[in-house]
Amino acid sequence: VYRIDIEATPAYPDRHPTHGWQVRIRRQGEQHTKFFSDERCG
């Protein structure tokens, strides 16, 4: 479980802010990922 916090920067002023947690699991060469947004999850 990994924290994702992305903000706009001077180099990327149009970047959409993203805040939440991402689950990443790799099994038998297959990557399983899902993102849980702070805003959508309360």
ModelCIF file with pLDDT and N, C-alpha, C, O atoms, coordinates in Angstrom:
data_MODEL
#
_entry.id   MODEL 
#
_entity.id                         1 
_entity.type                       polymer 
_entity.pdbx_number_of_molecules   1 
#
_entity_poly.entity_id                      1 
_entity_poly.type                           'polypeptide(L)' 
_entity_poly.nstd_linkage                   no 
_entity_poly.nstd_monomer                   no 
_entity_poly.pdbx_seq_one_letter_code       VYRIDIEATPAYPDRHPTHGWQVRIRRQGEQHTKFFSDERCG 
_entity_poly.pdbx_seq_one_letter_code_can   VYRIDIEATPAYPDRHPTHGWQVRIRRQGEQHTKFFSDERCG 
_entity_poly.pdbx_strand_id                 A 
#
loop_
_entity_poly_seq.entity_id 
_entity_poly_seq.num 
_entity_poly_seq.mon_id 
_entity_poly_seq.hetero 
1 1  VAL n 
1 2  TYR n 
1 3  ARG n 
1 4  ILE n 
1 5  ASP n 
1 6  ILE n 
1 7  GLU n 
1 8  ALA n 
1 9  THR n 
1 10 PRO n 
1 11 ALA n 
1 12 TYR n 
1 13 PRO n 
1 14 ASP n 
1 15 ARG n 
1 16 HIS n 
1 17 PRO n 
1 18 THR n 
1 19 HIS n 
1 20 GLY n 
1 21 TRP n 
1 22 GLN n 
1 23 VAL n 
1 24 ARG n 
1 25 ILE n 
1 26 ARG n 
1 27 ARG n 
1 28 GLN n 
1 29 GLY n 
1 30 GLU n 
1 31 GLN n 
1 32 HIS n 
1 33 THR n 
1 34 LYS n 
1 35 PHE n 
1 36 PHE n 
1 37 SER n 
1 38 ASP n 
1 39 GLU n 
1 40 ARG n 
1 41 CYS n 
1 42 GLY n 
#
_struct_asym.id          A 
_struct_asym.entity_id   1 
#
loop_
_ma_qa_metric.id 
_ma_qa_metric.mode 
_ma_qa_metric.name 
_ma_qa_metric.software_group_id 
_ma_qa_metric.type 
1 global pLDDT . pLDDT 
2 local  pLDDT . pLDDT 
#
_ma_qa_metric_global.metric_id      1 
_ma_qa_metric_global.metric_value   95.67 
_ma_qa_metric_global.model_id       1 
_ma_qa_metric_global.ordinal_id     1 
#
loop_
_ma_qa_metric_local.label_asym_id 
_ma_qa_metric_local.label_comp_id 
_ma_qa_metric_local.label_seq_id 
_ma_qa_metric_local.metric_id 
_ma_qa_metric_local.metric_value 
_ma_qa_metric_local.model_id 
_ma_qa_metric_local.ordinal_id 
A VAL 1  2 98.00 1 1  
A TYR 2  2 97.00 1 2  
A ARG 3  2 97.00 1 3  
A ILE 4  2 97.00 1 4  
A ASP 5  2 97.00 1 5  
A ILE 6  2 95.00 1 6  
A GLU 7  2 94.00 1 7  
A ALA 8  2 92.00 1 8  
A THR 9  2 92.00 1 9  
A PRO 10 2 93.00 1 10 
A ALA 11 2 94.00 1 11 
A TYR 12 2 92.00 1 12 
A PRO 13 2 92.00 1 13 
A ASP 14 2 94.00 1 14 
A ARG 15 2 92.00 1 15 
A HIS 16 2 90.00 1 16 
A PRO 17 2 93.00 1 17 
A THR 18 2 96.00 1 18 
A HIS 19 2 97.00 1 19 
A GLY 20 2 98.00 1 20 
A TRP 21 2 98.00 1 21 
A GLN 22 2 98.00 1 22 
A VAL 23 2 98.00 1 23 
A ARG 24 2 98.00 1 24 
A ILE 25 2 97.00 1 25 
A ARG 26 2 96.00 1 26 
A ARG 27 2 93.00 1 27 
A GLN 28 2 91.00 1 28 
A GLY 29 2 94.00 1 29 
A GLU 30 2 95.00 1 30 
A GLN 31 2 97.00 1 31 
A HIS 32 2 97.00 1 32 
A THR 33 2 98.00 1 33 
A LYS 34 2 98.00 1 34 
A PHE 35 2 98.00 1 35 
A PHE 36 2 98.00 1 36 
A SER 37 2 98.00 1 37 
A ASP 38 2 98.00 1 38 
A GLU 39 2 96.00 1 39 
A ARG 40 2 97.00 1 40 
A CYS 41 2 98.00 1 41 
A GLY 42 2 97.00 1 42 
#
loop_
_atom_site.group_PDB 
_atom_site.id 
_atom_site.type_symbol 
_atom_site.label_atom_id 
_atom_site.label_alt_id 
_atom_site.label_comp_id 
_atom_site.label_asym_id 
_atom_site.label_entity_id 
_atom_site.label_seq_id 
_atom_site.pdbx_PDB_ins_code 
_atom_site.Cartn_x 
_atom_site.Cartn_y 
_atom_site.Cartn_z 
_atom_site.occupancy 
_atom_site.B_iso_or_equiv 
_atom_site.pdbx_formal_charge 
_atom_site.auth_seq_id 
_atom_site.auth_comp_id 
_atom_site.auth_asym_id 
_atom_site.auth_atom_id 
_atom_site.pdbx_PDB_model_num 
ATOM 1   N N  . VAL A 1 1  ? 0.872   -1.177  0.000   1.00 98.00 ? 1  VAL A N  1 
ATOM 2   C CA . VAL A 1 1  ? 0.000   0.000   0.000   1.00 98.00 ? 1  VAL A CA 1 
ATOM 3   C C  . VAL A 1 1  ? 0.907   1.225   0.000   1.00 98.00 ? 1  VAL A C  1 
ATOM 4   O O  . VAL A 1 1  ? 1.745   1.389   0.887   1.00 98.00 ? 1  VAL A O  1 
ATOM 5   N N  . TYR A 1 2  ? 0.732   2.084   -1.005  1.00 97.00 ? 2  TYR A N  1 
ATOM 6   C CA . TYR A 1 2  ? 1.632   3.218   -1.214  1.00 97.00 ? 2  TYR A CA 1 
ATOM 7   C C  . TYR A 1 2  ? 0.850   4.525   -1.247  1.00 97.00 ? 2  TYR A C  1 
ATOM 8   O O  . TYR A 1 2  ? -0.247  4.587   -1.802  1.00 97.00 ? 2  TYR A O  1 
ATOM 9   N N  . ARG A 1 3  ? 1.417   5.562   -0.653  1.00 97.00 ? 3  ARG A N  1 
ATOM 10  C CA . ARG A 1 3  ? 0.803   6.883   -0.642  1.00 97.00 ? 3  ARG A CA 1 
ATOM 11  C C  . ARG A 1 3  ? 1.150   7.610   -1.935  1.00 97.00 ? 3  ARG A C  1 
ATOM 12  O O  . ARG A 1 3  ? 2.302   7.609   -2.370  1.00 97.00 ? 3  ARG A O  1 
ATOM 13  N N  . ILE A 1 4  ? 0.140   8.232   -2.542  1.00 97.00 ? 4  ILE A N  1 
ATOM 14  C CA . ILE A 1 4  ? 0.326   9.032   -3.750  1.00 97.00 ? 4  ILE A CA 1 
ATOM 15  C C  . ILE A 1 4  ? -0.105  10.463  -3.428  1.00 97.00 ? 4  ILE A C  1 
ATOM 16  O O  . ILE A 1 4  ? -1.267  10.697  -3.097  1.00 97.00 ? 4  ILE A O  1 
ATOM 17  N N  . ASP A 1 5  ? 0.806   11.406  -3.519  1.00 97.00 ? 5  ASP A N  1 
ATOM 18  C CA . ASP A 1 5  ? 0.516   12.833  -3.327  1.00 97.00 ? 5  ASP A CA 1 
ATOM 19  C C  . ASP A 1 5  ? 1.182   13.589  -4.464  1.00 97.00 ? 5  ASP A C  1 
ATOM 20  O O  . ASP A 1 5  ? 2.404   13.734  -4.494  1.00 97.00 ? 5  ASP A O  1 
ATOM 21  N N  . ILE A 1 6  ? 0.377   14.066  -5.390  1.00 95.00 ? 6  ILE A N  1 
ATOM 22  C CA . ILE A 1 6  ? 0.889   14.784  -6.564  1.00 95.00 ? 6  ILE A CA 1 
ATOM 23  C C  . ILE A 1 6  ? 0.255   16.169  -6.600  1.00 95.00 ? 6  ILE A C  1 
ATOM 24  O O  . ILE A 1 6  ? -0.965  16.304  -6.510  1.00 95.00 ? 6  ILE A O  1 
ATOM 25  N N  . GLU A 1 7  ? 1.078   17.178  -6.730  1.00 94.00 ? 7  GLU A N  1 
ATOM 26  C CA . GLU A 1 7  ? 0.625   18.568  -6.824  1.00 94.00 ? 7  GLU A CA 1 
ATOM 27  C C  . GLU A 1 7  ? 1.145   19.179  -8.127  1.00 94.00 ? 7  GLU A C  1 
ATOM 28  O O  . GLU A 1 7  ? 2.091   18.676  -8.733  1.00 94.00 ? 7  GLU A O  1 
ATOM 29  N N  . ALA A 1 8  ? 0.515   20.254  -8.537  1.00 92.00 ? 8  ALA A N  1 
ATOM 30  C CA . ALA A 1 8  ? 1.035   21.020  -9.671  1.00 92.00 ? 8  ALA A CA 1 
ATOM 31  C C  . ALA A 1 8  ? 2.392   21.603  -9.278  1.00 92.00 ? 8  ALA A C  1 
ATOM 32  O O  . ALA A 1 8  ? 2.614   21.949  -8.118  1.00 92.00 ? 8  ALA A O  1 
ATOM 33  N N  . THR A 1 9  ? 3.281   21.707  -10.239 1.00 92.00 ? 9  THR A N  1 
ATOM 34  C CA . THR A 1 9  ? 4.610   22.283  -10.006 1.00 92.00 ? 9  THR A CA 1 
ATOM 35  C C  . THR A 1 9  ? 4.857   23.354  -11.058 1.00 92.00 ? 9  THR A C  1 
ATOM 36  O O  . THR A 1 9  ? 4.117   23.434  -12.039 1.00 92.00 ? 9  THR A O  1 
ATOM 37  N N  . PRO A 1 10 ? 5.880   24.175  -10.873 1.00 93.00 ? 10 PRO A N  1 
ATOM 38  C CA . PRO A 1 10 ? 6.189   25.163  -11.911 1.00 93.00 ? 10 PRO A CA 1 
ATOM 39  C C  . PRO A 1 10 ? 6.446   24.506  -13.273 1.00 93.00 ? 10 PRO A C  1 
ATOM 40  O O  . PRO A 1 10 ? 6.096   25.070  -14.309 1.00 93.00 ? 10 PRO A O  1 
ATOM 41  N N  . ALA A 1 11 ? 7.049   23.330  -13.271 1.00 94.00 ? 11 ALA A N  1 
ATOM 42  C CA . ALA A 1 11 ? 7.317   22.637  -14.538 1.00 94.00 ? 11 ALA A CA 1 
ATOM 43  C C  . ALA A 1 11 ? 6.041   22.062  -15.152 1.00 94.00 ? 11 ALA A C  1 
ATOM 44  O O  . ALA A 1 11 ? 5.942   21.936  -16.372 1.00 94.00 ? 11 ALA A O  1 
ATOM 45  N N  . TYR A 1 12 ? 5.053   21.708  -14.300 1.00 92.00 ? 12 TYR A N  1 
ATOM 46  C CA . TYR A 1 12 ? 3.785   21.119  -14.765 1.00 92.00 ? 12 TYR A CA 1 
ATOM 47  C C  . TYR A 1 12 ? 2.618   21.835  -14.089 1.00 92.00 ? 12 TYR A C  1 
ATOM 48  O O  . TYR A 1 12 ? 1.952   21.256  -13.231 1.00 92.00 ? 12 TYR A O  1 
ATOM 49  N N  . PRO A 1 13 ? 2.366   23.090  -14.469 1.00 92.00 ? 13 PRO A N  1 
ATOM 50  C CA . PRO A 1 13 ? 1.339   23.881  -13.773 1.00 92.00 ? 13 PRO A CA 1 
ATOM 51  C C  . PRO A 1 13 ? -0.091  23.378  -13.994 1.00 92.00 ? 13 PRO A C  1 
ATOM 52  O O  . PRO A 1 13 ? -0.975  23.693  -13.197 1.00 92.00 ? 13 PRO A O  1 
ATOM 53  N N  . ASP A 1 14 ? -0.337  22.612  -15.046 1.00 94.00 ? 14 ASP A N  1 
ATOM 54  C CA . ASP A 1 14 ? -1.689  22.127  -15.342 1.00 94.00 ? 14 ASP A CA 1 
ATOM 55  C C  . ASP A 1 14 ? -1.962  20.746  -14.753 1.00 94.00 ? 14 ASP A C  1 
ATOM 56  O O  . ASP A 1 14 ? -3.040  20.189  -14.961 1.00 94.00 ? 14 ASP A O  1 
ATOM 57  N N  . ARG A 1 15 ? -0.998  20.188  -14.022 1.00 92.00 ? 15 ARG A N  1 
ATOM 58  C CA . ARG A 1 15 ? -1.152  18.852  -13.436 1.00 92.00 ? 15 ARG A CA 1 
ATOM 59  C C  . ARG A 1 15 ? -2.287  18.871  -12.401 1.00 92.00 ? 15 ARG A C  1 
ATOM 60  O O  . ARG A 1 15 ? -2.368  19.765  -11.559 1.00 92.00 ? 15 ARG A O  1 
ATOM 61  N N  . HIS A 1 16 ? -3.143  17.877  -12.490 1.00 90.00 ? 16 HIS A N  1 
ATOM 62  C CA . HIS A 1 16 ? -4.262  17.769  -11.549 1.00 90.00 ? 16 HIS A CA 1 
ATOM 63  C C  . HIS A 1 16 ? -3.758  17.202  -10.221 1.00 90.00 ? 16 HIS A C  1 
ATOM 64  O O  . HIS A 1 16 ? -3.060  16.188  -10.225 1.00 90.00 ? 16 HIS A O  1 
ATOM 65  N N  . PRO A 1 17 ? -4.087  17.819  -9.094  1.00 93.00 ? 17 PRO A N  1 
ATOM 66  C CA . PRO A 1 17 ? -3.638  17.276  -7.811  1.00 93.00 ? 17 PRO A CA 1 
ATOM 67  C C  . PRO A 1 17 ? -4.272  15.900  -7.547  1.00 93.00 ? 17 PRO A C  1 
ATOM 68  O O  . PRO A 1 17 ? -5.465  15.705  -7.775  1.00 93.00 ? 17 PRO A O  1 
ATOM 69  N N  . THR A 1 18 ? -3.474  14.974  -7.074  1.00 96.00 ? 18 THR A N  1 
ATOM 70  C CA . THR A 1 18 ? -3.925  13.615  -6.799  1.00 96.00 ? 18 THR A CA 1 
ATOM 71  C C  . THR A 1 18 ? -3.432  13.213  -5.416  1.00 96.00 ? 18 THR A C  1 
ATOM 72  O O  . THR A 1 18 ? -2.241  13.294  -5.117  1.00 96.00 ? 18 THR A O  1 
ATOM 73  N N  . HIS A 1 19 ? -4.376  12.775  -4.572  1.00 97.00 ? 19 HIS A N  1 
ATOM 74  C CA . HIS A 1 19 ? -4.027  12.367  -3.215  1.00 97.00 ? 19 HIS A CA 1 
ATOM 75  C C  . HIS A 1 19 ? -4.806  11.108  -2.875  1.00 97.00 ? 19 HIS A C  1 
ATOM 76  O O  . HIS A 1 19 ? -6.032  11.078  -2.982  1.00 97.00 ? 19 HIS A O  1 
ATOM 77  N N  . GLY A 1 20 ? -4.091  10.070  -2.466  1.00 98.00 ? 20 GLY A N  1 
ATOM 78  C CA . GLY A 1 20 ? -4.763  8.838   -2.089  1.00 98.00 ? 20 GLY A CA 1 
ATOM 79  C C  . GLY A 1 20 ? -3.769  7.718   -1.864  1.00 98.00 ? 20 GLY A C  1 
ATOM 80  O O  . GLY A 1 20 ? -2.567  7.952   -1.733  1.00 98.00 ? 20 GLY A O  1 
ATOM 81  N N  . TRP A 1 21 ? -4.281  6.503   -1.820  1.00 98.00 ? 21 TRP A N  1 
ATOM 82  C CA . TRP A 1 21 ? -3.484  5.303   -1.570  1.00 98.00 ? 21 TRP A CA 1 
ATOM 83  C C  . TRP A 1 21 ? -3.623  4.355   -2.739  1.00 98.00 ? 21 TRP A C  1 
ATOM 84  O O  . TRP A 1 21 ? -4.712  4.200   -3.290  1.00 98.00 ? 21 TRP A O  1 
ATOM 85  N N  . GLN A 1 22 ? -2.534  3.720   -3.121  1.00 98.00 ? 22 GLN A N  1 
ATOM 86  C CA . GLN A 1 22 ? -2.557  2.754   -4.216  1.00 98.00 ? 22 GLN A CA 1 
ATOM 87  C C  . GLN A 1 22 ? -2.087  1.399   -3.701  1.00 98.00 ? 22 GLN A C  1 
ATOM 88  O O  . GLN A 1 22 ? -1.071  1.287   -3.014  1.00 98.00 ? 22 GLN A O  1 
ATOM 89  N N  . VAL A 1 23 ? -2.860  0.371   -4.058  1.00 98.00 ? 23 VAL A N  1 
ATOM 90  C CA . VAL A 1 23 ? -2.481  -1.003  -3.744  1.00 98.00 ? 23 VAL A CA 1 
ATOM 91  C C  . VAL A 1 23 ? -1.800  -1.557  -4.985  1.00 98.00 ? 23 VAL A C  1 
ATOM 92  O O  . VAL A 1 23 ? -2.334  -1.456  -6.089  1.00 98.00 ? 23 VAL A O  1 
ATOM 93  N N  . ARG A 1 24 ? -0.607  -2.148  -4.801  1.00 98.00 ? 24 ARG A N  1 
ATOM 94  C CA . ARG A 1 24 ? 0.143   -2.749  -5.909  1.00 98.00 ? 24 ARG A CA 1 
ATOM 95  C C  . ARG A 1 24 ? 0.629   -4.129  -5.485  1.00 98.00 ? 24 ARG A C  1 
ATOM 96  O O  . ARG A 1 24 ? 1.386   -4.272  -4.525  1.00 98.00 ? 24 ARG A O  1 
ATOM 97  N N  . ILE A 1 25 ? 0.178   -5.139  -6.221  1.00 97.00 ? 25 ILE A N  1 
ATOM 98  C CA . ILE A 1 25 ? 0.599   -6.514  -5.939  1.00 97.00 ? 25 ILE A CA 1 
ATOM 99  C C  . ILE A 1 25 ? 0.925   -7.184  -7.262  1.00 97.00 ? 25 ILE A C  1 
ATOM 100 O O  . ILE A 1 25 ? 0.153   -7.098  -8.217  1.00 97.00 ? 25 ILE A O  1 
ATOM 101 N N  . ARG A 1 26 ? 2.072   -7.851  -7.316  1.00 96.00 ? 26 ARG A N  1 
ATOM 102 C CA . ARG A 1 26 ? 2.471   -8.596  -8.513  1.00 96.00 ? 26 ARG A CA 1 
ATOM 103 C C  . ARG A 1 26 ? 2.505   -10.074 -8.150  1.00 96.00 ? 26 ARG A C  1 
ATOM 104 O O  . ARG A 1 26 ? 3.164   -10.481 -7.193  1.00 96.00 ? 26 ARG A O  1 
ATOM 105 N N  . ARG A 1 27 ? 1.772   -10.878 -8.941  1.00 93.00 ? 27 ARG A N  1 
ATOM 106 C CA . ARG A 1 27 ? 1.761   -12.329 -8.763  1.00 93.00 ? 27 ARG A CA 1 
ATOM 107 C C  . ARG A 1 27 ? 1.837   -12.986 -10.130 1.00 93.00 ? 27 ARG A C  1 
ATOM 108 O O  . ARG A 1 27 ? 1.088   -12.640 -11.044 1.00 93.00 ? 27 ARG A O  1 
ATOM 109 N N  . GLN A 1 28 ? 2.742   -13.929 -10.254 1.00 91.00 ? 28 GLN A N  1 
ATOM 110 C CA . GLN A 1 28 ? 2.922   -14.711 -11.481 1.00 91.00 ? 28 GLN A CA 1 
ATOM 111 C C  . GLN A 1 28 ? 3.028   -13.800 -12.709 1.00 91.00 ? 28 GLN A C  1 
ATOM 112 O O  . GLN A 1 28 ? 2.424   -14.060 -13.749 1.00 91.00 ? 28 GLN A O  1 
ATOM 113 N N  . GLY A 1 29 ? 3.804   -12.737 -12.561 1.00 94.00 ? 29 GLY A N  1 
ATOM 114 C CA . GLY A 1 29 ? 4.054   -11.825 -13.672 1.00 94.00 ? 29 GLY A CA 1 
ATOM 115 C C  . GLY A 1 29 ? 2.917   -10.868 -13.980 1.00 94.00 ? 29 GLY A C  1 
ATOM 116 O O  . GLY A 1 29 ? 3.020   -10.079 -14.919 1.00 94.00 ? 29 GLY A O  1 
ATOM 117 N N  . GLU A 1 30 ? 1.836   -10.918 -13.216 1.00 95.00 ? 30 GLU A N  1 
ATOM 118 C CA . GLU A 1 30 ? 0.686   -10.040 -13.459 1.00 95.00 ? 30 GLU A CA 1 
ATOM 119 C C  . GLU A 1 30 ? 0.610   -8.986  -12.362 1.00 95.00 ? 30 GLU A C  1 
ATOM 120 O O  . GLU A 1 30 ? 0.684   -9.305  -11.176 1.00 95.00 ? 30 GLU A O  1 
ATOM 121 N N  . GLN A 1 31 ? 0.462   -7.720  -12.771 1.00 97.00 ? 31 GLN A N  1 
ATOM 122 C CA . GLN A 1 31 ? 0.386   -6.604  -11.833 1.00 97.00 ? 31 GLN A CA 1 
ATOM 123 C C  . GLN A 1 31 ? -1.077  -6.294  -11.531 1.00 97.00 ? 31 GLN A C  1 
ATOM 124 O O  . GLN A 1 31 ? -1.888  -6.140  -12.445 1.00 97.00 ? 31 GLN A O  1 
ATOM 125 N N  . HIS A 1 32 ? -1.406  -6.205  -10.250 1.00 97.00 ? 32 HIS A N  1 
ATOM 126 C CA . HIS A 1 32 ? -2.747  -5.833  -9.795  1.00 97.00 ? 32 HIS A CA 1 
ATOM 127 C C  . HIS A 1 32 ? -2.621  -4.501  -9.074  1.00 97.00 ? 32 HIS A C  1 
ATOM 128 O O  . HIS A 1 32 ? -1.866  -4.391  -8.108  1.00 97.00 ? 32 HIS A O  1 
ATOM 129 N N  . THR A 1 33 ? -3.359  -3.473  -9.534  1.00 98.00 ? 33 THR A N  1 
ATOM 130 C CA . THR A 1 33 ? -3.302  -2.161  -8.904  1.00 98.00 ? 33 THR A CA 1 
ATOM 131 C C  . THR A 1 33 ? -4.702  -1.576  -8.774  1.00 98.00 ? 33 THR A C  1 
ATOM 132 O O  . THR A 1 33 ? -5.580  -1.821  -9.601  1.00 98.00 ? 33 THR A O  1 
ATOM 133 N N  . LYS A 1 34 ? -4.884  -0.801  -7.722  1.00 98.00 ? 34 LYS A N  1 
ATOM 134 C CA . LYS A 1 34 ? -6.135  -0.070  -7.538  1.00 98.00 ? 34 LYS A CA 1 
ATOM 135 C C  . LYS A 1 34 ? -5.830  1.151   -6.698  1.00 98.00 ? 34 LYS A C  1 
ATOM 136 O O  . LYS A 1 34 ? -5.062  1.079   -5.738  1.00 98.00 ? 34 LYS A O  1 
ATOM 137 N N  . PHE A 1 35 ? -6.445  2.295   -7.067  1.00 98.00 ? 35 PHE A N  1 
ATOM 138 C CA . PHE A 1 35 ? -6.214  3.560   -6.386  1.00 98.00 ? 35 PHE A CA 1 
ATOM 139 C C  . PHE A 1 35 ? -7.440  3.935   -5.559  1.00 98.00 ? 35 PHE A C  1 
ATOM 140 O O  . PHE A 1 35 ? -8.576  3.790   -6.011  1.00 98.00 ? 35 PHE A O  1 
ATOM 141 N N  . PHE A 1 36 ? -7.193  4.419   -4.340  1.00 98.00 ? 36 PHE A N  1 
ATOM 142 C CA . PHE A 1 36 ? -8.251  4.843   -3.429  1.00 98.00 ? 36 PHE A CA 1 
ATOM 143 C C  . PHE A 1 36 ? -8.046  6.323   -3.115  1.00 98.00 ? 36 PHE A C  1 
ATOM 144 O O  . PHE A 1 36 ? -7.157  6.689   -2.346  1.00 98.00 ? 36 PHE A O  1 
ATOM 145 N N  . SER A 1 37 ? -8.877  7.165   -3.718  1.00 98.00 ? 37 SER A N  1 
ATOM 146 C CA . SER A 1 37 ? -8.773  8.612   -3.595  1.00 98.00 ? 37 SER A CA 1 
ATOM 147 C C  . SER A 1 37 ? -9.238  9.077   -2.213  1.00 98.00 ? 37 SER A C  1 
ATOM 148 O O  . SER A 1 37 ? -10.262 8.619   -1.707  1.00 98.00 ? 37 SER A O  1 
ATOM 149 N N  . ASP A 1 38 ? -8.472  9.995   -1.607  1.00 98.00 ? 38 ASP A N  1 
ATOM 150 C CA . ASP A 1 38 ? -8.887  10.586  -0.334  1.00 98.00 ? 38 ASP A CA 1 
ATOM 151 C C  . ASP A 1 38 ? -10.259 11.238  -0.473  1.00 98.00 ? 38 ASP A C  1 
ATOM 152 O O  . ASP A 1 38 ? -11.125 11.067  0.385   1.00 98.00 ? 38 ASP A O  1 
ATOM 153 N N  . GLU A 1 39 ? -10.447 11.975  -1.542  1.00 96.00 ? 39 GLU A N  1 
ATOM 154 C CA . GLU A 1 39 ? -11.694 12.719  -1.737  1.00 96.00 ? 39 GLU A CA 1 
ATOM 155 C C  . GLU A 1 39 ? -12.890 11.788  -1.901  1.00 96.00 ? 39 GLU A C  1 
ATOM 156 O O  . GLU A 1 39 ? -13.931 12.007  -1.281  1.00 96.00 ? 39 GLU A O  1 
ATOM 157 N N  . ARG A 1 40 ? -12.757 10.767  -2.716  1.00 97.00 ? 40 ARG A N  1 
ATOM 158 C CA . ARG A 1 40 ? -13.875 9.858   -2.980  1.00 97.00 ? 40 ARG A CA 1 
ATOM 159 C C  . ARG A 1 40 ? -14.178 8.918   -1.811  1.00 97.00 ? 40 ARG A C  1 
ATOM 160 O O  . ARG A 1 40 ? -15.301 8.433   -1.671  1.00 97.00 ? 40 ARG A O  1 
ATOM 161 N N  . CYS A 1 41 ? -13.174 8.667   -0.978  1.00 98.00 ? 41 CYS A N  1 
ATOM 162 C CA . CYS A 1 41 ? -13.356 7.730   0.143   1.00 98.00 ? 41 CYS A CA 1 
ATOM 163 C C  . CYS A 1 41 ? -13.695 8.430   1.449   1.00 98.00 ? 41 CYS A C  1 
ATOM 164 O O  . CYS A 1 41 ? -13.878 7.764   2.468   1.00 98.00 ? 41 CYS A O  1 
ATOM 165 N N  . GLY A 1 42 ? -13.784 9.760   1.444   1.00 97.00 ? 42 GLY A N  1 
ATOM 166 C CA . GLY A 1 42 ? -14.162 10.477  2.653   1.00 97.00 ? 42 GLY A CA 1 
ATOM 167 C C  . GLY A 1 42 ? -13.005 10.903  3.538   1.00 97.00 ? 42 GLY A C  1 
ATOM 168 O O  . GLY A 1 42 ? -13.222 11.516  4.584   1.00 97.00 ? 42 GLY A O  1 
#
